Amino acid sequence: MTAKELQKYFKDHLVPSRLYNMKGGHHKNRICLGWDKNRQEWEVYYSEGKAKIGLMQFDNESEACQRMKEEVSTVMELIYGLKIVS
């Protein structure tokens, strides 16, 4: 899965965009997926202020996207009581 495919997946499953960000960087209170140019690796984390909480690093895009999908699915279930079914 690519980041572009994951974004389409979120839209198709009506995941509110305020829960996630697909461009990395710092986006208040969102689960983020990003590419670290310096380390040449993918990152998934929760952005709180300028901190990357629970930072997970991946060698490839597919693994990072799968983990982000799992994290966002968990949040959807916790907040809205909705389980995303593929």
N, C-alpha and C. Protein backbone atom coordinates (compact mmCIF):
# COMPACT_ATOMS: atom_id res chain seq x y z
N MET A 1 0.85 -1.18 0.00
CA MET A 1 0.00 0.00 0.00
C MET A 1 0.89 1.24 0.00
N THR A 2 0.51 2.22 -0.80
CA THR A 2 1.24 3.49 -0.84
C THR A 2 0.47 4.53 -0.04
N ALA A 3 1.12 5.65 0.23
CA ALA A 3 0.46 6.74 0.95
C ALA A 3 -0.76 7.24 0.18
N LYS A 4 -0.65 7.29 -1.13
CA LYS A 4 -1.77 7.74 -1.96
C LYS A 4 -2.95 6.76 -1.84
N GLU A 5 -2.66 5.48 -1.86
CA GLU A 5 -3.71 4.47 -1.71
C GLU A 5 -4.34 4.53 -0.31
N LEU A 6 -3.50 4.77 0.70
CA LEU A 6 -4.01 4.87 2.06
C LEU A 6 -4.93 6.08 2.22
N GLN A 7 -4.55 7.19 1.63
CA GLN A 7 -5.40 8.38 1.71
C GLN A 7 -6.76 8.11 1.05
N LYS A 8 -6.75 7.43 -0.07
CA LYS A 8 -8.01 7.07 -0.74
C LYS A 8 -8.83 6.13 0.15
N TYR A 9 -8.16 5.18 0.78
CA TYR A 9 -8.82 4.25 1.70
C TYR A 9 -9.53 5.03 2.82
N PHE A 10 -8.83 5.99 3.42
CA PHE A 10 -9.43 6.79 4.49
C PHE A 10 -10.65 7.56 3.98
N LYS A 11 -10.55 8.15 2.82
CA LYS A 11 -11.68 8.89 2.24
C LYS A 11 -12.84 7.96 1.94
N ASP A 12 -12.56 6.81 1.36
CA ASP A 12 -13.61 5.83 1.04
C ASP A 12 -14.33 5.33 2.29
N HIS A 13 -13.62 5.28 3.41
CA HIS A 13 -14.19 4.79 4.67
C HIS A 13 -14.63 5.93 5.60
N LEU A 14 -14.69 7.13 5.04
CA LEU A 14 -15.21 8.31 5.74
C LEU A 14 -14.48 8.62 7.04
N VAL A 15 -13.17 8.43 7.04
CA VAL A 15 -12.35 8.78 8.21
C VAL A 15 -12.18 10.30 8.21
N PRO A 16 -12.56 10.97 9.31
CA PRO A 16 -12.41 12.43 9.36
C PRO A 16 -10.96 12.86 9.17
N SER A 17 -10.74 13.81 8.29
CA SER A 17 -9.37 14.26 8.00
C SER A 17 -8.70 14.91 9.20
N ARG A 18 -9.46 15.31 10.20
CA ARG A 18 -8.87 15.92 11.39
C ARG A 18 -8.14 14.90 12.26
N LEU A 19 -8.27 13.62 11.93
CA LEU A 19 -7.59 12.58 12.70
C LEU A 19 -6.20 12.25 12.19
N TYR A 20 -5.91 12.61 10.92
CA TYR A 20 -4.66 12.18 10.33
C TYR A 20 -4.06 13.23 9.40
N ASN A 21 -2.77 13.03 9.11
CA ASN A 21 -2.07 13.87 8.15
C ASN A 21 -1.09 12.99 7.39
N MET A 22 -1.08 13.15 6.09
CA MET A 22 -0.24 12.29 5.24
C MET A 22 1.03 12.98 4.75
N LYS A 23 1.34 14.16 5.29
CA LYS A 23 2.49 14.92 4.79
C LYS A 23 3.62 15.05 5.81
N GLY A 24 3.48 14.40 6.96
CA GLY A 24 4.50 14.52 7.99
C GLY A 24 4.49 15.91 8.61
N GLY A 25 5.56 16.26 9.27
CA GLY A 25 5.62 17.57 9.92
C GLY A 25 4.84 17.59 11.22
N HIS A 26 4.43 18.78 11.62
CA HIS A 26 3.73 18.96 12.89
C HIS A 26 2.32 19.45 12.62
N HIS A 27 1.36 18.61 12.94
CA HIS A 27 -0.04 18.93 12.76
C HIS A 27 -0.75 18.56 14.05
N LYS A 28 -1.22 19.56 14.75
CA LYS A 28 -1.76 19.41 16.09
C LYS A 28 -2.77 18.27 16.22
N ASN A 29 -2.46 17.37 17.12
CA ASN A 29 -3.36 16.29 17.52
C ASN A 29 -3.81 15.41 16.36
N ARG A 30 -2.87 14.98 15.55
CA ARG A 30 -3.17 14.09 14.43
C ARG A 30 -2.15 12.96 14.37
N ILE A 31 -2.58 11.85 13.83
CA ILE A 31 -1.66 10.76 13.52
C ILE A 31 -1.05 11.11 12.17
N CYS A 32 0.25 11.09 12.11
CA CYS A 32 0.95 11.54 10.90
C CYS A 32 1.78 10.44 10.27
N LEU A 33 1.85 10.51 8.94
CA LEU A 33 2.72 9.67 8.15
C LEU A 33 3.66 10.61 7.41
N GLY A 34 4.95 10.36 7.48
CA GLY A 34 5.88 11.25 6.80
C GLY A 34 7.15 10.55 6.38
N TRP A 35 7.88 11.21 5.51
CA TRP A 35 9.16 10.72 5.02
C TRP A 35 10.25 11.60 5.60
N ASP A 36 11.18 11.01 6.34
CA ASP A 36 12.30 11.74 6.91
C ASP A 36 13.44 11.71 5.89
N LYS A 37 13.68 12.86 5.26
CA LYS A 37 14.70 12.95 4.21
C LYS A 37 16.10 12.69 4.74
N ASN A 38 16.37 13.15 5.95
CA ASN A 38 17.71 12.98 6.53
C ASN A 38 18.02 11.51 6.82
N ARG A 39 17.07 10.81 7.38
CA ARG A 39 17.29 9.41 7.75
C ARG A 39 16.85 8.44 6.66
N GLN A 40 16.19 8.96 5.64
CA GLN A 40 15.71 8.12 4.54
C GLN A 40 14.82 6.98 5.05
N GLU A 41 13.81 7.37 5.86
CA GLU A 41 12.88 6.37 6.37
C GLU A 41 11.50 6.98 6.57
N TRP A 42 10.52 6.11 6.59
CA TRP A 42 9.13 6.52 6.82
C TRP A 42 8.87 6.59 8.31
N GLU A 43 7.99 7.51 8.71
CA GLU A 43 7.65 7.68 10.12
C GLU A 43 6.12 7.70 10.29
N VAL A 44 5.68 7.13 11.39
CA VAL A 44 4.29 7.23 11.82
C VAL A 44 4.35 7.67 13.27
N TYR A 45 3.56 8.68 13.61
CA TYR A 45 3.59 9.23 14.96
C TYR A 45 2.35 10.07 15.23
N TYR A 46 2.15 10.37 16.50
CA TYR A 46 1.09 11.29 16.91
C TYR A 46 1.75 12.64 17.13
N SER A 47 1.23 13.66 16.48
CA SER A 47 1.81 15.00 16.60
C SER A 47 1.10 15.78 17.69
N GLU A 48 1.87 16.19 18.67
CA GLU A 48 1.36 17.02 19.77
C GLU A 48 2.31 18.19 19.91
N GLY A 49 1.85 19.36 19.47
CA GLY A 49 2.74 20.51 19.42
C GLY A 49 3.85 20.22 18.43
N LYS A 50 5.10 20.37 18.87
CA LYS A 50 6.23 20.05 18.00
C LYS A 50 6.83 18.68 18.32
N ALA A 51 6.15 17.95 19.21
CA ALA A 51 6.65 16.63 19.60
C ALA A 51 6.03 15.54 18.74
N LYS A 52 6.85 14.52 18.46
CA LYS A 52 6.39 13.34 17.75
C LYS A 52 6.24 12.24 18.80
N ILE A 53 5.01 12.02 19.24
CA ILE A 53 4.73 11.05 20.29
C ILE A 53 4.59 9.66 19.68
N GLY A 54 5.23 8.66 20.29
CA GLY A 54 5.12 7.28 19.82
C GLY A 54 5.72 7.07 18.45
N LEU A 55 6.80 7.76 18.16
CA LEU A 55 7.44 7.69 16.84
C LEU A 55 7.83 6.26 16.48
N MET A 56 7.34 5.84 15.31
CA MET A 56 7.69 4.53 14.75
C MET A 56 8.35 4.78 13.40
N GLN A 57 9.45 4.07 13.14
CA GLN A 57 10.20 4.28 11.90
C GLN A 57 10.21 3.00 11.07
N PHE A 58 10.11 3.18 9.76
CA PHE A 58 9.99 2.05 8.84
C PHE A 58 10.91 2.22 7.65
N ASP A 59 11.40 1.10 7.15
CA ASP A 59 12.27 1.12 5.97
C ASP A 59 11.50 1.29 4.67
N ASN A 60 10.22 0.89 4.68
CA ASN A 60 9.47 1.01 3.43
C ASN A 60 8.09 1.60 3.65
N GLU A 61 7.58 2.17 2.60
CA GLU A 61 6.29 2.87 2.61
C GLU A 61 5.13 1.95 2.96
N SER A 62 5.15 0.75 2.44
CA SER A 62 4.06 -0.18 2.65
C SER A 62 3.88 -0.52 4.14
N GLU A 63 4.98 -0.80 4.83
CA GLU A 63 4.91 -1.11 6.26
C GLU A 63 4.41 0.08 7.07
N ALA A 64 4.88 1.26 6.72
CA ALA A 64 4.46 2.48 7.42
C ALA A 64 2.96 2.72 7.20
N CYS A 65 2.51 2.55 5.98
CA CYS A 65 1.09 2.75 5.69
C CYS A 65 0.22 1.75 6.42
N GLN A 66 0.65 0.51 6.47
CA GLN A 66 -0.11 -0.51 7.19
C GLN A 66 -0.23 -0.15 8.67
N ARG A 67 0.87 0.32 9.26
CA ARG A 67 0.83 0.69 10.68
C ARG A 67 -0.06 1.90 10.90
N MET A 68 0.02 2.88 10.00
CA MET A 68 -0.84 4.05 10.15
C MET A 68 -2.31 3.66 10.03
N LYS A 69 -2.61 2.78 9.10
CA LYS A 69 -3.98 2.29 8.93
C LYS A 69 -4.48 1.66 10.24
N GLU A 70 -3.64 0.87 10.88
CA GLU A 70 -3.99 0.23 12.16
C GLU A 70 -4.21 1.28 13.26
N GLU A 71 -3.32 2.26 13.33
CA GLU A 71 -3.43 3.30 14.36
C GLU A 71 -4.71 4.12 14.18
N VAL A 72 -4.99 4.54 12.95
CA VAL A 72 -6.19 5.34 12.69
C VAL A 72 -7.44 4.50 12.94
N SER A 73 -7.41 3.23 12.57
CA SER A 73 -8.55 2.34 12.82
C SER A 73 -8.83 2.22 14.31
N THR A 74 -7.79 2.12 15.10
CA THR A 74 -7.94 2.04 16.56
C THR A 74 -8.58 3.31 17.10
N VAL A 75 -8.12 4.45 16.64
CA VAL A 75 -8.68 5.73 17.09
C VAL A 75 -10.15 5.85 16.69
N MET A 76 -10.48 5.43 15.48
CA MET A 76 -11.87 5.47 15.02
C MET A 76 -12.76 4.62 15.93
N GLU A 77 -12.25 3.48 16.33
CA GLU A 77 -13.03 2.60 17.19
C GLU A 77 -13.17 3.19 18.59
N LEU A 78 -12.10 3.76 19.12
CA LEU A 78 -12.14 4.35 20.46
C LEU A 78 -13.01 5.59 20.54
N ILE A 79 -12.89 6.47 19.56
CA ILE A 79 -13.62 7.74 19.61
C ILE A 79 -15.07 7.59 19.16
N TYR A 80 -15.25 6.92 18.03
CA TYR A 80 -16.58 6.86 17.42
C TYR A 80 -17.29 5.53 17.59
N GLY A 81 -16.60 4.52 18.11
CA GLY A 81 -17.20 3.21 18.25
C GLY A 81 -17.41 2.51 16.91
N LEU A 82 -16.67 2.94 15.91
CA LEU A 82 -16.81 2.39 14.56
C LEU A 82 -15.57 1.59 14.19
N LYS A 83 -15.79 0.41 13.71
CA LYS A 83 -14.68 -0.43 13.26
C LYS A 83 -14.65 -0.37 11.75
N ILE A 84 -13.48 -0.04 11.20
CA ILE A 84 -13.32 0.02 9.75
C ILE A 84 -13.13 -1.40 9.25
N VAL A 85 -13.96 -1.79 8.31
CA VAL A 85 -13.87 -3.12 7.72
C VAL A 85 -13.42 -2.97 6.28
N SER A 86 -12.38 -3.70 5.92
CA SER A 86 -11.86 -3.61 4.55
C SER A 86 -12.69 -4.41 3.59
